[in-house]
Amino acid sequence: DLTPAPSRDRRVVKRWALAGGPHGLVLAPDGTLYVGLSERQAVVAIDPEEGRVVREAVLDSPEIASTKELVTLRLDAAGTRLAVAHGSDESASILALPSLKTEREILLEGETVRDALFDPKGRYLYLLGRTVHVFDGGGQREIRSLGDIAPMAIATDREGRWLAIAGTEEFENGPATVVAIYDAETLREIARDPLQTDRAVEAMLFAAGDRTLVALSRDRFAEKPVSARKAPEFTTAE
């Protein structure tokens, strides 16, 4: 069982201490909380009602792969697979749920893998490296690489209609941050707009019924209308 950690914040219902360098978490549809532990090179499944670790999978020994950072954890739409981006380890893993058995490990040699995102319709797995790599849904084969911008963050809407990529584009007067919107069916770019911020985009998500695209930096957010053919008007916010 996890060790209870007291809190003076009345908004906190339950709080536990978790050793091993927690980094990345997702809540599955069945209520299980999955947490990445970078120091232990592991993913644990936690029952948040009981405060108990119910399952643990060691992805690699610290001596062999101490570079695994577990930057992000992402669920597929069915809640049956977990994608883990390993950062400077240059790889991503697909784990089966609830067993946490490794189904696939994907290597992008020479590229820091900062995110691994499932397409909601199950067609693709998007990997965020030096470019956005589009793999088939099982992570077996790379289909193509997207964009001519240096990507910083990616997001999809709930129905899998669009893929948004925030990144840096080079212009005559210098680099600028832009957001490109792709039709996820054809993987064709349908819109690109400046984000008008000099901050690095750390994360991005669709919100407000997919009418808004939120782009987050470490200390602020920017707002910019982004329109796309066949899509509603988006707003990016920090």
C-alpha atoms as a PDB file:
ATOM      1  CA  ASP A   1       0.000   0.000   0.000  1.00  0.00           C
ATOM      2  CA  LEU A   2       1.053   3.595  -0.597  1.00  0.00           C
ATOM      3  CA  THR A   3       2.049   5.747   2.358  1.00  0.00           C
ATOM      4  CA  PRO A   4      -0.542   8.480   3.098  1.00  0.00           C
ATOM      5  CA  ALA A   5       0.885  12.003   2.840  1.00  0.00           C
ATOM      6  CA  PRO A   6      -0.923  14.691   4.864  1.00  0.00           C
ATOM      7  CA  SER A   7      -2.124  17.873   3.184  1.00  0.00           C
ATOM      8  CA  ARG A   8      -3.435  21.153   4.585  1.00  0.00           C
ATOM      9  CA  ASP A   9      -5.290  21.904   1.373  1.00  0.00           C
ATOM     10  CA  ARG A  10      -8.959  21.104   1.989  1.00  0.00           C
ATOM     11  CA  ARG A  11      -9.476  20.555  -1.722  1.00  0.00           C
ATOM     12  CA  VAL A  12      -7.183  17.509  -1.617  1.00  0.00           C
ATOM     13  CA  VAL A  13      -9.311  14.434  -0.842  1.00  0.00           C
ATOM     14  CA  LYS A  14      -6.494  11.868  -0.773  1.00  0.00           C
ATOM     15  CA  ARG A  15      -2.729  12.156  -1.032  1.00  0.00           C
ATOM     16  CA  TRP A  16       0.005   9.512  -1.053  1.00  0.00           C
ATOM     17  CA  ALA A  17       3.773   9.425  -1.349  1.00  0.00           C
ATOM     18  CA  LEU A  18       5.111   7.524  -4.361  1.00  0.00           C
ATOM     19  CA  ALA A  19       8.831   6.827  -4.629  1.00  0.00           C
ATOM     20  CA  GLY A  20      10.736   6.226  -7.852  1.00  0.00           C
ATOM     21  CA  GLY A  21      10.552   9.589  -9.636  1.00  0.00           C
ATOM     22  CA  PRO A  22       6.911   9.902 -10.779  1.00  0.00           C
ATOM     23  CA  HIS A  23       6.771  11.382 -14.274  1.00  0.00           C
ATOM     24  CA  GLY A  24       3.639  11.129 -16.397  1.00  0.00           C
ATOM     25  CA  LEU A  25       0.209   9.765 -15.464  1.00  0.00           C
ATOM     26  CA  VAL A  26      -3.134   8.872 -17.012  1.00  0.00           C
ATOM     27  CA  LEU A  27      -6.510   7.850 -15.603  1.00  0.00           C
ATOM     28  CA  ALA A  28      -8.066   4.862 -17.387  1.00  0.00           C
ATOM     29  CA  PRO A  29     -11.831   4.500 -17.965  1.00  0.00           C
ATOM     30  CA  ASP A  30     -12.033   1.818 -15.251  1.00  0.00           C
ATOM     31  CA  GLY A  31     -10.621   4.256 -12.669  1.00  0.00           C
ATOM     32  CA  THR A  32      -7.097   2.817 -12.594  1.00  0.00           C
ATOM     33  CA  LEU A  33      -4.337   5.393 -12.380  1.00  0.00           C
ATOM     34  CA  TYR A  34      -1.177   4.623 -14.370  1.00  0.00           C
ATOM     35  CA  VAL A  35       2.010   6.416 -13.326  1.00  0.00           C
ATOM     36  CA  GLY A  36       5.468   6.329 -14.886  1.00  0.00           C
ATOM     37  CA  LEU A  37       8.456   6.048 -12.536  1.00  0.00           C
ATOM     38  CA  SER A  38      11.608   7.282 -14.252  1.00  0.00           C
ATOM     39  CA  GLU A  39      14.072   6.233 -11.536  1.00  0.00           C
ATOM     40  CA  ARG A  40      12.722   2.677 -11.427  1.00  0.00           C
ATOM     41  CA  GLN A  41      12.178   2.427 -15.190  1.00  0.00           C
ATOM     42  CA  ALA A  42       8.651   1.244 -14.493  1.00  0.00           C
ATOM     43  CA  VAL A  43       4.940   1.908 -14.914  1.00  0.00           C
ATOM     44  CA  VAL A  44       2.635   1.199 -11.980  1.00  0.00           C
ATOM     45  CA  ALA A  45      -1.132   0.713 -11.889  1.00  0.00           C
ATOM     46  CA  ILE A  46      -2.721   2.276  -8.808  1.00  0.00           C
ATOM     47  CA  ASP A  47      -6.165   1.823  -7.286  1.00  0.00           C
ATOM     48  CA  PRO A  48      -6.846   5.453  -6.269  1.00  0.00           C
ATOM     49  CA  GLU A  49      -9.696   4.474  -3.971  1.00  0.00           C
ATOM     50  CA  GLU A  50      -7.536   2.187  -1.863  1.00  0.00           C
ATOM     51  CA  GLY A  51      -4.188   3.922  -2.389  1.00  0.00           C
ATOM     52  CA  ARG A  52      -2.657   0.647  -3.476  1.00  0.00           C
ATOM     53  CA  VAL A  53      -0.272  -0.396  -6.270  1.00  0.00           C
ATOM     54  CA  VAL A  54      -2.053  -3.287  -7.971  1.00  0.00           C
ATOM     55  CA  ARG A  55       0.460  -3.949 -10.740  1.00  0.00           C
ATOM     56  CA  GLU A  56       3.948  -2.895 -11.806  1.00  0.00           C
ATOM     57  CA  ALA A  57       5.884  -3.397 -15.031  1.00  0.00           C
ATOM     58  CA  VAL A  58       9.626  -2.750 -15.178  1.00  0.00           C
ATOM     59  CA  LEU A  59      10.404  -1.521 -18.690  1.00  0.00           C
ATOM     60  CA  ASP A  60      14.152  -1.871 -18.417  1.00  0.00           C
ATOM     61  CA  SER A  61      16.840  -2.132 -15.767  1.00  0.00           C
ATOM     62  CA  PRO A  62      18.296   1.221 -14.643  1.00  0.00           C
ATOM     63  CA  GLU A  63      21.792  -0.063 -15.446  1.00  0.00           C
ATOM     64  CA  ILE A  64      20.892  -0.790 -19.074  1.00  0.00           C
ATOM     65  CA  ALA A  65      18.540   2.077 -19.928  1.00  0.00           C
ATOM     66  CA  SER A  66      18.965   4.849 -17.381  1.00  0.00           C
ATOM     67  CA  THR A  67      18.001   7.384 -20.059  1.00  0.00           C
ATOM     68  CA  LYS A  68      14.319   6.348 -20.141  1.00  0.00           C
ATOM     69  CA  GLU A  69      12.523   9.473 -18.953  1.00  0.00           C
ATOM     70  CA  LEU A  70       8.861   8.456 -19.343  1.00  0.00           C
ATOM     71  CA  VAL A  71       8.025  11.936 -20.635  1.00  0.00           C
ATOM     72  CA  THR A  72       4.356  11.250 -21.442  1.00  0.00           C
ATOM     73  CA  LEU A  73       1.832   8.450 -20.940  1.00  0.00           C
ATOM     74  CA  ARG A  74      -1.151   8.300 -23.315  1.00  0.00           C
ATOM     75  CA  LEU A  75      -4.153   5.954 -23.511  1.00  0.00           C
ATOM     76  CA  ASP A  76      -5.806   4.795 -26.702  1.00  0.00           C
ATOM     77  CA  ALA A  77      -9.521   5.508 -27.171  1.00  0.00           C
ATOM     78  CA  ALA A  78     -10.553   2.044 -25.964  1.00  0.00           C
ATOM     79  CA  GLY A  79      -8.416   2.265 -22.826  1.00  0.00           C
ATOM     80  CA  THR A  80      -6.681  -1.021 -23.689  1.00  0.00           C
ATOM     81  CA  ARG A  81      -3.214   0.260 -24.635  1.00  0.00           C
ATOM     82  CA  LEU A  82      -0.780   2.727 -23.127  1.00  0.00           C
ATOM     83  CA  ALA A  83       1.812   4.631 -25.170  1.00  0.00           C
ATOM     84  CA  VAL A  84       4.927   5.802 -23.319  1.00  0.00           C
ATOM     85  CA  ALA A  85       7.359   8.366 -24.762  1.00  0.00           C
ATOM     86  CA  HIS A  86      10.882   7.835 -23.407  1.00  0.00           C
ATOM     87  CA  GLY A  87      12.496  11.181 -24.229  1.00  0.00           C
ATOM     88  CA  SER A  88      16.258  11.020 -24.707  1.00  0.00           C
ATOM     89  CA  ASP A  89      16.128   7.206 -24.791  1.00  0.00           C
ATOM     90  CA  GLU A  90      15.012   7.786 -28.418  1.00  0.00           C
ATOM     91  CA  SER A  91      12.141   5.330 -28.111  1.00  0.00           C
ATOM     92  CA  ALA A  92       8.472   4.796 -27.324  1.00  0.00           C
ATOM     93  CA  SER A  93       6.678   1.754 -25.909  1.00  0.00           C
ATOM     94  CA  ILE A  94       3.158   0.382 -26.337  1.00  0.00           C
ATOM     95  CA  LEU A  95       1.866  -1.507 -23.280  1.00  0.00           C
ATOM     96  CA  ALA A  96      -1.229  -3.708 -23.168  1.00  0.00           C
ATOM     97  CA  LEU A  97      -3.724  -2.931 -20.409  1.00  0.00           C
ATOM     98  CA  PRO A  98      -4.413  -4.034 -17.785  1.00  0.00           C
ATOM     99  CA  SER A  99      -1.486  -6.489 -17.939  1.00  0.00           C
ATOM    100  CA  LEU A 100       1.158  -3.773 -18.641  1.00  0.00           C
ATOM    101  CA  LYS A 101       2.869  -6.240 -20.959  1.00  0.00           C
ATOM    102  CA  THR A 102       5.083  -4.558 -23.586  1.00  0.00           C
ATOM    103  CA  GLU A 103       3.536  -5.076 -27.023  1.00  0.00           C
ATOM    104  CA  ARG A 104       5.927  -2.960 -29.029  1.00  0.00           C
ATOM    105  CA  GLU A 105       9.006  -0.772 -28.610  1.00  0.00           C
ATOM    106  CA  ILE A 106       9.734   1.758 -31.357  1.00  0.00           C
ATOM    107  CA  LEU A 107      13.184   3.282 -31.817  1.00  0.00           C
ATOM    108  CA  LEU A 108      13.758   6.667 -33.468  1.00  0.00           C
ATOM    109  CA  GLU A 109      17.531   6.673 -33.613  1.00  0.00           C
ATOM    110  CA  GLY A 110      19.034  10.098 -32.940  1.00  0.00           C
ATOM    111  CA  GLU A 111      15.693  11.690 -31.982  1.00  0.00           C
ATOM    112  CA  THR A 112      14.347  12.586 -28.543  1.00  0.00           C
ATOM    113  CA  VAL A 113      10.806  11.163 -28.390  1.00  0.00           C
ATOM    114  CA  ARG A 114       8.769  13.764 -26.486  1.00  0.00           C
ATOM    115  CA  ASP A 115       5.266  12.414 -27.050  1.00  0.00           C
ATOM    116  CA  ALA A 116       3.481   9.305 -28.317  1.00  0.00           C
ATOM    117  CA  LEU A 117      -0.187   9.914 -29.143  1.00  0.00           C
ATOM    118  CA  PHE A 118      -2.820   7.468 -30.389  1.00  0.00           C
ATOM    119  CA  ASP A 119      -5.223   8.510 -33.130  1.00  0.00           C
ATOM    120  CA  PRO A 120      -8.728   8.276 -31.553  1.00  0.00           C
ATOM    121  CA  LYS A 121      -9.931   6.139 -34.470  1.00  0.00           C
ATOM    122  CA  GLY A 122      -7.092   3.647 -34.043  1.00  0.00           C
ATOM    123  CA  ARG A 123      -5.513   4.288 -37.447  1.00  0.00           C
ATOM    124  CA  TYR A 124      -2.223   5.816 -36.311  1.00  0.00           C
ATOM    125  CA  LEU A 125       0.305   6.344 -33.574  1.00  0.00           C
ATOM    126  CA  TYR A 126       1.886   9.807 -33.737  1.00  0.00           C
ATOM    127  CA  LEU A 127       5.448  10.124 -32.395  1.00  0.00           C
ATOM    128  CA  LEU A 128       6.881  13.562 -31.664  1.00  0.00           C
ATOM    129  CA  GLY A 129      10.579  13.617 -32.504  1.00  0.00           C
ATOM    130  CA  ARG A 130      12.507  15.965 -34.779  1.00  0.00           C
ATOM    131  CA  THR A 131       9.404  15.699 -36.972  1.00  0.00           C
ATOM    132  CA  VAL A 132       5.996  14.134 -36.341  1.00  0.00           C
ATOM    133  CA  HIS A 133       6.267  10.487 -37.378  1.00  0.00           C
ATOM    134  CA  VAL A 134       3.004   8.758 -38.308  1.00  0.00           C
ATOM    135  CA  PHE A 135       3.007   5.005 -37.626  1.00  0.00           C
ATOM    136  CA  ASP A 136       0.200   2.531 -38.189  1.00  0.00           C
ATOM    137  CA  GLY A 137      -2.048   1.958 -35.182  1.00  0.00           C
ATOM    138  CA  GLY A 138       0.040  -0.948 -33.891  1.00  0.00           C
ATOM    139  CA  GLY A 139       3.323   0.954 -34.175  1.00  0.00           C
ATOM    140  CA  GLN A 140       4.688  -1.610 -36.645  1.00  0.00           C
ATOM    141  CA  ARG A 141       5.359   0.564 -39.697  1.00  0.00           C
ATOM    142  CA  GLU A 142       6.036   4.253 -40.314  1.00  0.00           C
ATOM    143  CA  ILE A 143       3.609   5.645 -42.874  1.00  0.00           C
ATOM    144  CA  ARG A 144       5.058   9.134 -43.303  1.00  0.00           C
ATOM    145  CA  SER A 145       6.632  12.115 -41.581  1.00  0.00           C
ATOM    146  CA  LEU A 146       4.640  15.339 -41.317  1.00  0.00           C
ATOM    147  CA  GLY A 147       5.498  18.970 -41.717  1.00  0.00           C
ATOM    148  CA  ASP A 148       8.346  21.289 -42.506  1.00  0.00           C
ATOM    149  CA  ILE A 149       8.304  22.921 -39.068  1.00  0.00           C
ATOM    150  CA  ALA A 150      10.300  22.018 -35.957  1.00  0.00           C
ATOM    151  CA  PRO A 151       7.495  20.497 -33.835  1.00  0.00           C
ATOM    152  CA  MET A 152       7.037  21.199 -30.121  1.00  0.00           C
ATOM    153  CA  ALA A 153       3.629  19.690 -29.276  1.00  0.00           C
ATOM    154  CA  ILE A 154       0.815  17.664 -30.877  1.00  0.00           C
ATOM    155  CA  ALA A 155      -2.886  17.118 -30.196  1.00  0.00           C
ATOM    156  CA  THR A 156      -5.925  15.441 -31.747  1.00  0.00           C
ATOM    157  CA  ASP A 157      -9.621  16.190 -31.341  1.00  0.00           C
ATOM    158  CA  ARG A 158     -11.817  13.584 -29.643  1.00  0.00           C
ATOM    159  CA  GLU A 159     -13.205  12.166 -32.900  1.00  0.00           C
ATOM    160  CA  GLY A 160      -9.861  11.925 -34.681  1.00  0.00           C
ATOM    161  CA  ARG A 161     -10.751  14.394 -37.433  1.00  0.00           C
ATOM    162  CA  TRP A 162      -7.726  16.653 -37.028  1.00  0.00           C
ATOM    163  CA  LEU A 163      -4.133  16.578 -35.894  1.00  0.00           C
ATOM    164  CA  ALA A 164      -2.655  19.843 -34.625  1.00  0.00           C
ATOM    165  CA  ILE A 165       1.102  20.455 -34.612  1.00  0.00           C
ATOM    166  CA  ALA A 166       2.654  23.444 -32.856  1.00  0.00           C
ATOM    167  CA  GLY A 167       6.196  24.245 -33.898  1.00  0.00           C
ATOM    168  CA  THR A 168       8.734  26.719 -35.210  1.00  0.00           C
ATOM    169  CA  GLU A 169       8.769  27.854 -38.828  1.00  0.00           C
ATOM    170  CA  GLU A 170      11.586  29.839 -40.431  1.00  0.00           C
ATOM    171  CA  PHE A 171      10.603  33.126 -42.093  1.00  0.00           C
ATOM    172  CA  GLU A 172      12.710  35.818 -43.780  1.00  0.00           C
ATOM    173  CA  ASN A 173      12.760  37.916 -40.612  1.00  0.00           C
ATOM    174  CA  GLY A 174      13.463  34.957 -38.311  1.00  0.00           C
ATOM    175  CA  PRO A 175      11.708  31.965 -36.714  1.00  0.00           C
ATOM    176  CA  ALA A 176       8.102  32.127 -35.474  1.00  0.00           C
ATOM    177  CA  THR A 177       5.770  29.726 -33.678  1.00  0.00           C
ATOM    178  CA  VAL A 178       2.889  28.396 -35.780  1.00  0.00           C
ATOM    179  CA  VAL A 179       0.095  25.841 -35.481  1.00  0.00           C
ATOM    180  CA  ALA A 180      -0.576  23.550 -38.442  1.00  0.00           C
ATOM    181  CA  ILE A 181      -3.861  21.625 -38.700  1.00  0.00           C
ATOM    182  CA  TYR A 182      -3.951  18.337 -40.620  1.00  0.00           C
ATOM    183  CA  ASP A 183      -6.895  16.332 -41.899  1.00  0.00           C
ATOM    184  CA  ALA A 184      -6.289  13.033 -40.074  1.00  0.00           C
ATOM    185  CA  GLU A 185      -8.021  11.011 -42.793  1.00  0.00           C
ATOM    186  CA  THR A 186      -5.749  12.156 -45.620  1.00  0.00           C
ATOM    187  CA  LEU A 187      -2.789  13.450 -43.524  1.00  0.00           C
ATOM    188  CA  ARG A 188      -2.988  16.605 -45.621  1.00  0.00           C
ATOM    189  CA  GLU A 189      -2.321  20.039 -44.114  1.00  0.00           C
ATOM    190  CA  ILE A 190      -5.478  22.176 -44.283  1.00  0.00           C
ATOM    191  CA  ALA A 191      -4.465  25.265 -42.284  1.00  0.00           C
ATOM    192  CA  ARG A 192      -1.462  27.011 -40.766  1.00  0.00           C
ATOM    193  CA  ASP A 193      -1.498  30.131 -38.607  1.00  0.00           C
ATOM    194  CA  PRO A 194       1.033  32.013 -36.459  1.00  0.00           C
ATOM    195  CA  LEU A 195       0.679  31.556 -32.712  1.00  0.00           C
ATOM    196  CA  GLN A 196       2.327  34.918 -31.971  1.00  0.00           C
ATOM    197  CA  THR A 197       4.386  33.803 -28.998  1.00  0.00           C
ATOM    198  CA  ASP A 198       8.116  33.425 -28.445  1.00  0.00           C
ATOM    199  CA  ARG A 199       7.597  30.834 -25.696  1.00  0.00           C
ATOM    200  CA  ALA A 200       8.187  27.135 -26.257  1.00  0.00           C
ATOM    201  CA  VAL A 201       4.895  25.212 -26.377  1.00  0.00           C
ATOM    202  CA  GLU A 202       5.116  22.448 -23.776  1.00  0.00           C
ATOM    203  CA  ALA A 203       1.728  20.813 -24.347  1.00  0.00           C
ATOM    204  CA  MET A 204      -1.417  21.208 -26.410  1.00  0.00           C
ATOM    205  CA  LEU A 205      -4.987  19.897 -26.291  1.00  0.00           C
ATOM    206  CA  PHE A 206      -8.410  20.365 -27.820  1.00  0.00           C
ATOM    207  CA  ALA A 207     -11.046  21.631 -25.382  1.00  0.00           C
ATOM    208  CA  ALA A 208     -14.572  23.095 -25.163  1.00  0.00           C
ATOM    209  CA  GLY A 209     -16.150  20.434 -27.333  1.00  0.00           C
ATOM    210  CA  ASP A 210     -13.196  20.577 -29.752  1.00  0.00           C
ATOM    211  CA  ARG A 211     -13.990  24.207 -30.535  1.00  0.00           C
ATOM    212  CA  THR A 212     -10.818  25.406 -28.828  1.00  0.00           C
ATOM    213  CA  LEU A 213      -7.180  24.407 -29.154  1.00  0.00           C
ATOM    214  CA  VAL A 214      -5.165  25.199 -26.028  1.00  0.00           C
ATOM    215  CA  ALA A 215      -1.376  25.557 -26.293  1.00  0.00           C
ATOM    216  CA  LEU A 216       0.481  25.751 -22.982  1.00  0.00           C
ATOM    217  CA  SER A 217       3.907  27.204 -22.209  1.00  0.00           C
ATOM    218  CA  ARG A 218       5.670  26.930 -18.861  1.00  0.00           C
ATOM    219  CA  ASP A 219       4.648  30.368 -17.615  1.00  0.00           C
ATOM    220  CA  ARG A 220       1.841  31.573 -19.869  1.00  0.00           C
ATOM    221  CA  PHE A 221      -0.528  30.776 -22.709  1.00  0.00           C
ATOM    222  CA  ALA A 222      -1.214  32.584 -25.978  1.00  0.00           C
ATOM    223  CA  GLU A 223      -4.531  33.061 -27.738  1.00  0.00           C
ATOM    224  CA  LYS A 224      -4.902  33.092 -31.480  1.00  0.00           C
ATOM    225  CA  PRO A 225      -7.842  32.237 -33.763  1.00  0.00           C
ATOM    226  CA  VAL A 226      -6.935  29.384 -36.110  1.00  0.00           C
ATOM    227  CA  SER A 227      -9.361  28.602 -38.906  1.00  0.00           C
ATOM    228  CA  ALA A 228      -9.337  25.459 -41.020  1.00  0.00           C
ATOM    229  CA  ARG A 229     -11.457  24.377 -43.942  1.00  0.00           C
ATOM    230  CA  LYS A 230     -13.898  21.642 -42.900  1.00  0.00           C
ATOM    231  CA  ALA A 231     -13.227  22.540 -39.257  1.00  0.00           C
ATOM    232  CA  PRO A 232     -14.699  24.971 -36.717  1.00  0.00           C
ATOM    233  CA  GLU A 233     -12.736  28.027 -35.633  1.00  0.00           C
ATOM    234  CA  PHE A 234     -10.059  27.190 -33.067  1.00  0.00           C
ATOM    235  CA  THR A 235      -8.519  29.316 -30.369  1.00  0.00           C
ATOM    236  CA  THR A 236      -5.055  28.659 -28.999  1.00  0.00           C
ATOM    237  CA  ALA A 237      -4.484  29.725 -25.425  1.00  0.00           C
ATOM    238  CA  GLU A 238      -1.658  29.738 -22.893  1.00  0.00           C
END
